[in-house]
PDB file of all heavy atoms in Angstrom:
ATOM      1  N   ARG A   1      41.604-134.547 -64.487  1.00  0.00           N
ATOM      2  CA  ARG A   1      42.755-134.123 -63.960  1.00  0.00           C
ATOM      3  C   ARG A   1      42.499-133.205 -62.762  1.00  0.00           C
ATOM      4  O   ARG A   1      41.980-132.087 -63.005  1.00  0.00           O
ATOM      5  CB  ARG A   1      43.863-133.426 -64.865  1.00  0.00           C
ATOM      6  CG  ARG A   1      45.180-133.109 -64.318  1.00  0.00           C
ATOM      7  CD  ARG A   1      45.961-132.265 -65.227  1.00  0.00           C
ATOM      8  NE  ARG A   1      47.293-132.138 -64.927  1.00  0.00           N
ATOM      9  CZ  ARG A   1      48.054-130.969 -65.060  1.00  0.00           C
ATOM     10  NH1 ARG A   1      47.465-129.892 -65.602  1.00  0.00           N
ATOM     11  NH2 ARG A   1      49.371-130.990 -64.698  1.00  0.00           N
ATOM     12  N   LEU A   2      42.852-133.538 -61.567  1.00  0.00           N
ATOM     13  CA  LEU A   2      42.534-132.664 -60.296  1.00  0.00           C
ATOM     14  C   LEU A   2      43.842-131.966 -60.002  1.00  0.00           C
ATOM     15  O   LEU A   2      44.903-132.399 -60.229  1.00  0.00           O
ATOM     16  CB  LEU A   2      42.201-133.504 -59.178  1.00  0.00           C
ATOM     17  CG  LEU A   2      41.066-134.537 -59.338  1.00  0.00           C
ATOM     18  CD1 LEU A   2      40.731-135.225 -57.992  1.00  0.00           C
ATOM     19  CD2 LEU A   2      39.792-133.862 -59.847  1.00  0.00           C
ATOM     20  N   SER A   3      43.628-130.740 -59.550  1.00  0.00           N
ATOM     21  CA  SER A   3      44.738-129.904 -59.117  1.00  0.00           C
ATOM     22  C   SER A   3      44.518-129.517 -57.682  1.00  0.00           C
ATOM     23  O   SER A   3      43.442-129.347 -57.227  1.00  0.00           O
ATOM     24  CB  SER A   3      44.819-128.684 -59.960  1.00  0.00           C
ATOM     25  OG  SER A   3      45.143-128.945 -61.360  1.00  0.00           O
ATOM     26  N   CYS A   4      45.632-129.234 -56.954  1.00  0.00           N
ATOM     27  CA  CYS A   4      45.440-128.700 -55.571  1.00  0.00           C
ATOM     28  C   CYS A   4      46.561-127.767 -55.343  1.00  0.00           C
ATOM     29  O   CYS A   4      47.755-128.070 -55.398  1.00  0.00           O
ATOM     30  CB  CYS A   4      45.653-129.890 -54.490  1.00  0.00           C
ATOM     31  SG  CYS A   4      45.830-129.393 -52.780  1.00  0.00           S
ATOM     32  N   ALA A   5      46.153-126.506 -55.273  1.00  0.00           N
ATOM     33  CA  ALA A   5      47.092-125.359 -55.035  1.00  0.00           C
ATOM     34  C   ALA A   5      47.265-124.983 -53.582  1.00  0.00           C
ATOM     35  O   ALA A   5      46.181-124.799 -52.965  1.00  0.00           O
ATOM     36  CB  ALA A   5      46.623-124.220 -55.861  1.00  0.00           C
ATOM     37  N   ALA A   6      48.435-124.991 -53.091  1.00  0.00           N
ATOM     38  CA  ALA A   6      48.668-124.644 -51.727  1.00  0.00           C
ATOM     39  C   ALA A   6      49.236-123.178 -51.577  1.00  0.00           C
ATOM     40  O   ALA A   6      49.994-122.671 -52.362  1.00  0.00           O
ATOM     41  CB  ALA A   6      49.737-125.578 -51.071  1.00  0.00           C
ATOM     42  N   SER A   7      48.736-122.461 -50.524  1.00  0.00           N
ATOM     43  CA  SER A   7      49.250-121.141 -50.194  1.00  0.00           C
ATOM     44  C   SER A   7      49.342-120.945 -48.708  1.00  0.00           C
ATOM     45  O   SER A   7      48.810-121.839 -48.041  1.00  0.00           O
ATOM     46  CB  SER A   7      48.352-120.149 -50.813  1.00  0.00           C
ATOM     47  OG  SER A   7      47.042-120.135 -50.282  1.00  0.00           O
ATOM     48  N   GLY A   8      50.068-119.988 -48.298  1.00  0.00           N
ATOM     49  CA  GLY A   8      50.220-119.717 -46.951  1.00  0.00           C
ATOM     50  C   GLY A   8      51.628-120.172 -46.448  1.00  0.00           C
ATOM     51  O   GLY A   8      52.555-120.322 -47.257  1.00  0.00           O
ATOM     52  N   ILE A   9      51.769-120.183 -45.109  1.00  0.00           N
ATOM     53  CA  ILE A   9      53.002-120.540 -44.461  1.00  0.00           C
ATOM     54  C   ILE A   9      53.090-122.103 -44.330  1.00  0.00           C
ATOM     55  O   ILE A   9      52.260-122.677 -43.615  1.00  0.00           O
ATOM     56  CB  ILE A   9      53.235-119.822 -43.263  1.00  0.00           C
ATOM     57  CG1 ILE A   9      53.185-118.305 -43.417  1.00  0.00           C
ATOM     58  CG2 ILE A   9      54.547-120.192 -42.635  1.00  0.00           C
ATOM     59  CD1 ILE A   9      53.181-117.471 -42.219  1.00  0.00           C
ATOM     60  N   ILE A  10      54.032-122.641 -44.954  1.00  0.00           N
ATOM     61  CA  ILE A  10      54.195-124.210 -44.908  1.00  0.00           C
ATOM     62  C   ILE A  10      55.583-124.466 -44.449  1.00  0.00           C
ATOM     63  O   ILE A  10      56.648-124.053 -45.045  1.00  0.00           O
ATOM     64  CB  ILE A  10      53.897-124.882 -46.281  1.00  0.00           C
ATOM     65  CG1 ILE A  10      52.510-124.322 -46.830  1.00  0.00           C
ATOM     66  CG2 ILE A  10      53.964-126.301 -46.106  1.00  0.00           C
ATOM     67  CD1 ILE A  10      52.192-124.773 -48.191  1.00  0.00           C
ATOM     68  N   PHE A  11      55.626-125.298 -43.473  1.00  0.00           N
ATOM     69  CA  PHE A  11      56.905-125.697 -42.926  1.00  0.00           C
ATOM     70  C   PHE A  11      57.231-127.198 -43.128  1.00  0.00           C
ATOM     71  O   PHE A  11      56.336-127.968 -42.713  1.00  0.00           O
ATOM     72  CB  PHE A  11      57.081-125.437 -41.459  1.00  0.00           C
ATOM     73  CG  PHE A  11      56.922-124.013 -41.068  1.00  0.00           C
ATOM     74  CD1 PHE A  11      55.639-123.471 -40.638  1.00  0.00           C
ATOM     75  CD2 PHE A  11      57.977-123.116 -41.238  1.00  0.00           C
ATOM     76  CE1 PHE A  11      55.421-122.152 -40.306  1.00  0.00           C
ATOM     77  CE2 PHE A  11      57.906-121.769 -40.855  1.00  0.00           C
ATOM     78  CZ  PHE A  11      56.569-121.224 -40.443  1.00  0.00           C
ATOM     79  N   SER A  12      58.349-127.506 -43.675  1.00  0.00           N
ATOM     80  CA  SER A  12      58.875-128.901 -43.746  1.00  0.00           C
ATOM     81  C   SER A  12      57.771-129.896 -44.190  1.00  0.00           C
ATOM     82  O   SER A  12      57.299-130.732 -43.422  1.00  0.00           O
ATOM     83  CB  SER A  12      59.434-129.358 -42.312  1.00  0.00           C
ATOM     84  OG  SER A  12      60.467-128.505 -41.805  1.00  0.00           O
ATOM     85  N   ILE A  13      57.367-129.782 -45.444  1.00  0.00           N
ATOM     86  CA  ILE A  13      56.431-130.665 -45.997  1.00  0.00           C
ATOM     87  C   ILE A  13      56.951-132.077 -45.987  1.00  0.00           C
ATOM     88  O   ILE A  13      58.005-132.398 -46.505  1.00  0.00           O
ATOM     89  CB  ILE A  13      56.048-130.167 -47.442  1.00  0.00           C
ATOM     90  CG1 ILE A  13      55.350-128.760 -47.408  1.00  0.00           C
ATOM     91  CG2 ILE A  13      55.125-131.172 -48.048  1.00  0.00           C
ATOM     92  CD1 ILE A  13      55.150-128.244 -48.766  1.00  0.00           C
ATOM     93  N   LEU A  14      56.172-132.917 -45.477  1.00  0.00           N
ATOM     94  CA  LEU A  14      56.520-134.340 -45.508  1.00  0.00           C
ATOM     95  C   LEU A  14      55.826-135.088 -46.704  1.00  0.00           C
ATOM     96  O   LEU A  14      56.640-135.805 -47.371  1.00  0.00           O
ATOM     97  CB  LEU A  14      55.884-135.097 -44.217  1.00  0.00           C
ATOM     98  CG  LEU A  14      56.431-134.573 -42.871  1.00  0.00           C
ATOM     99  CD1 LEU A  14      55.884-135.188 -41.705  1.00  0.00           C
ATOM    100  CD2 LEU A  14      57.992-134.747 -42.868  1.00  0.00           C
ATOM    101  N   HIS A  15      54.575-134.771 -47.007  1.00  0.00           N
ATOM    102  CA  HIS A  15      54.087-135.300 -48.301  1.00  0.00           C
ATOM    103  C   HIS A  15      52.742-134.532 -48.575  1.00  0.00           C
ATOM    104  O   HIS A  15      52.242-133.843 -47.761  1.00  0.00           O
ATOM    105  CB  HIS A  15      53.746-136.737 -48.212  1.00  0.00           C
ATOM    106  CG  HIS A  15      52.877-137.267 -47.116  1.00  0.00           C
ATOM    107  ND1 HIS A  15      53.248-137.913 -46.007  1.00  0.00           N
ATOM    108  CD2 HIS A  15      51.527-137.055 -46.973  1.00  0.00           C
ATOM    109  CE1 HIS A  15      52.213-138.201 -45.161  1.00  0.00           C
ATOM    110  NE2 HIS A  15      51.196-137.656 -45.693  1.00  0.00           N
ATOM    111  N   MET A  16      52.313-134.672 -49.744  1.00  0.00           N
ATOM    112  CA  MET A  16      50.960-134.285 -50.183  1.00  0.00           C
ATOM    113  C   MET A  16      50.250-135.508 -50.734  1.00  0.00           C
ATOM    114  O   MET A  16      50.826-136.347 -51.398  1.00  0.00           O
ATOM    115  CB  MET A  16      51.060-133.203 -51.136  1.00  0.00           C
ATOM    116  CG  MET A  16      51.701-131.955 -50.704  1.00  0.00           C
ATOM    117  SD  MET A  16      51.761-130.564 -51.947  1.00  0.00           S
ATOM    118  CE  MET A  16      49.984-130.086 -51.848  1.00  0.00           C
ATOM    119  N   ASP A  17      48.901-135.555 -50.391  1.00  0.00           N
ATOM    120  CA  ASP A  17      48.274-136.747 -50.863  1.00  0.00           C
ATOM    121  C   ASP A  17      46.824-136.468 -51.227  1.00  0.00           C
ATOM    122  O   ASP A  17      46.255-135.365 -50.879  1.00  0.00           O
ATOM    123  CB  ASP A  17      48.382-137.906 -49.960  1.00  0.00           C
ATOM    124  CG  ASP A  17      48.072-137.642 -48.473  1.00  0.00           C
ATOM    125  OD1 ASP A  17      47.295-136.619 -48.198  1.00  0.00           O
ATOM    126  OD2 ASP A  17      48.514-138.311 -47.561  1.00  0.00           O
ATOM    127  N   TRP A  18      46.087-137.388 -51.838  1.00  0.00           N
ATOM    128  CA  TRP A  18      44.757-137.299 -52.210  1.00  0.00           C
ATOM    129  C   TRP A  18      43.958-138.384 -51.465  1.00  0.00           C
ATOM    130  O   TRP A  18      44.488-139.457 -51.416  1.00  0.00           O
ATOM    131  CB  TRP A  18      44.485-137.443 -53.722  1.00  0.00           C
ATOM    132  CG  TRP A  18      45.095-136.288 -54.502  1.00  0.00           C
ATOM    133  CD1 TRP A  18      46.276-136.124 -55.042  1.00  0.00           C
ATOM    134  CD2 TRP A  18      44.242-135.096 -54.782  1.00  0.00           C
ATOM    135  NE1 TRP A  18      46.347-134.942 -55.806  1.00  0.00           N
ATOM    136  CE2 TRP A  18      45.125-134.267 -55.591  1.00  0.00           C
ATOM    137  CE3 TRP A  18      42.945-134.697 -54.476  1.00  0.00           C
ATOM    138  CZ2 TRP A  18      44.696-132.967 -56.148  1.00  0.00           C
ATOM    139  CZ3 TRP A  18      42.594-133.427 -55.062  1.00  0.00           C
ATOM    140  CH2 TRP A  18      43.447-132.681 -55.857  1.00  0.00           C
ATOM    141  N   HIS A  19      42.874-137.968 -50.979  1.00  0.00           N
ATOM    142  CA  HIS A  19      41.889-138.982 -50.417  1.00  0.00           C
ATOM    143  C   HIS A  19      40.505-138.704 -51.083  1.00  0.00           C
ATOM    144  O   HIS A  19      40.268-137.655 -51.527  1.00  0.00           O
ATOM    145  CB  HIS A  19      41.756-138.717 -48.935  1.00  0.00           C
ATOM    146  CG  HIS A  19      43.071-139.069 -48.179  1.00  0.00           C
ATOM    147  ND1 HIS A  19      43.222-140.058 -47.225  1.00  0.00           N
ATOM    148  CD2 HIS A  19      44.352-138.426 -48.187  1.00  0.00           C
ATOM    149  CE1 HIS A  19      44.450-140.147 -46.654  1.00  0.00           C
ATOM    150  NE2 HIS A  19      45.066-139.073 -47.341  1.00  0.00           N
ATOM    151  N   ARG A  20      39.697-139.631 -50.930  1.00  0.00           N
ATOM    152  CA  ARG A  20      38.328-139.484 -51.476  1.00  0.00           C
ATOM    153  C   ARG A  20      37.288-140.134 -50.489  1.00  0.00           C
ATOM    154  O   ARG A  20      37.610-141.017 -49.832  1.00  0.00           O
ATOM    155  CB  ARG A  20      38.214-140.159 -52.907  1.00  0.00           C
ATOM    156  CG  ARG A  20      38.237-141.728 -52.870  1.00  0.00           C
ATOM    157  CD  ARG A  20      38.348-142.245 -54.228  1.00  0.00           C
ATOM    158  NE  ARG A  20      38.491-143.643 -54.264  1.00  0.00           N
ATOM    159  CZ  ARG A  20      38.776-144.341 -55.397  1.00  0.00           C
ATOM    160  NH1 ARG A  20      38.945-143.773 -56.562  1.00  0.00           N
ATOM    161  NH2 ARG A  20      38.848-145.717 -55.292  1.00  0.00           N
ATOM    162  N   GLN A  21      36.082-139.618 -50.652  1.00  0.00           N
ATOM    163  CA  GLN A  21      35.042-140.127 -49.786  1.00  0.00           C
ATOM    164  C   GLN A  21      33.729-140.241 -50.537  1.00  0.00           C
ATOM    165  O   GLN A  21      33.233-139.180 -51.139  1.00  0.00           O
ATOM    166  CB  GLN A  21      34.789-139.165 -48.607  1.00  0.00           C
ATOM    167  CG  GLN A  21      33.836-139.684 -47.531  1.00  0.00           C
ATOM    168  CD  GLN A  21      33.859-138.892 -46.285  1.00  0.00           C
ATOM    169  OE1 GLN A  21      34.376-137.686 -46.229  1.00  0.00           O
ATOM    170  NE2 GLN A  21      33.383-139.408 -45.179  1.00  0.00           N
ATOM    171  N   ALA A  22      33.244-141.469 -50.727  1.00  0.00           N
ATOM    172  CA  ALA A  22      31.935-141.668 -51.337  1.00  0.00           C
ATOM    173  C   ALA A  22      30.867-141.492 -50.379  1.00  0.00           C
ATOM    174  O   ALA A  22      31.116-141.526 -49.123  1.00  0.00           O
ATOM    175  CB  ALA A  22      31.903-143.060 -51.855  1.00  0.00           C
ATOM    176  N   PRO A  23      29.682-141.102 -50.868  1.00  0.00           N
ATOM    177  CA  PRO A  23      28.487-140.816 -49.953  1.00  0.00           C
ATOM    178  C   PRO A  23      28.257-141.947 -48.974  1.00  0.00           C
ATOM    179  O   PRO A  23      28.194-143.127 -49.446  1.00  0.00           O
ATOM    180  CB  PRO A  23      27.411-140.607 -50.833  1.00  0.00           C
ATOM    181  CG  PRO A  23      27.996-140.047 -52.097  1.00  0.00           C
ATOM    182  CD  PRO A  23      29.275-140.829 -52.223  1.00  0.00           C
ATOM    183  N   GLY A  24      28.218-141.735 -47.674  1.00  0.00           N
ATOM    184  CA  GLY A  24      27.994-142.825 -46.700  1.00  0.00           C
ATOM    185  C   GLY A  24      29.074-143.703 -46.388  1.00  0.00           C
ATOM    186  O   GLY A  24      28.901-144.679 -45.683  1.00  0.00           O
ATOM    187  N   LYS A  25      30.264-143.355 -46.966  1.00  0.00           N
ATOM    188  CA  LYS A  25      31.480-144.275 -46.615  1.00  0.00           C
ATOM    189  C   LYS A  25      32.567-143.405 -46.017  1.00  0.00           C
ATOM    190  O   LYS A  25      32.534-142.198 -46.037  1.00  0.00           O
ATOM    191  CB  LYS A  25      32.035-144.878 -47.932  1.00  0.00           C
ATOM    192  CG  LYS A  25      30.998-145.807 -48.559  1.00  0.00           C
ATOM    193  CD  LYS A  25      31.634-146.597 -49.700  1.00  0.00           C
ATOM    194  CE  LYS A  25      30.535-147.604 -50.216  1.00  0.00           C
ATOM    195  NZ  LYS A  25      31.232-148.348 -51.477  1.00  0.00           N
ATOM    196  N   GLU A  26      33.523-144.063 -45.515  1.00  0.00           N
ATOM    197  CA  GLU A  26      34.630-143.435 -44.852  1.00  0.00           C
ATOM    198  C   GLU A  26      35.637-142.887 -45.797  1.00  0.00           C
ATOM    199  O   GLU A  26      35.728-143.410 -46.983  1.00  0.00           O
ATOM    200  CB  GLU A  26      35.425-144.459 -43.961  1.00  0.00           C
ATOM    201  CG  GLU A  26      34.605-144.859 -42.751  1.00  0.00           C
ATOM    202  CD  GLU A  26      35.402-145.904 -41.914  1.00  0.00           C
ATOM    203  OE1 GLU A  26      36.569-146.378 -42.314  1.00  0.00           O
ATOM    204  OE2 GLU A  26      35.000-146.221 -40.811  1.00  0.00           O
TER     205      GLU A  26
END
């Protein structure tokens, strides 16, 4: 289970998402 905690000044969030990158790949 991954978590992502956001802090700071955030305006009008459209979305939050997850991306991944394997070694040597996009």
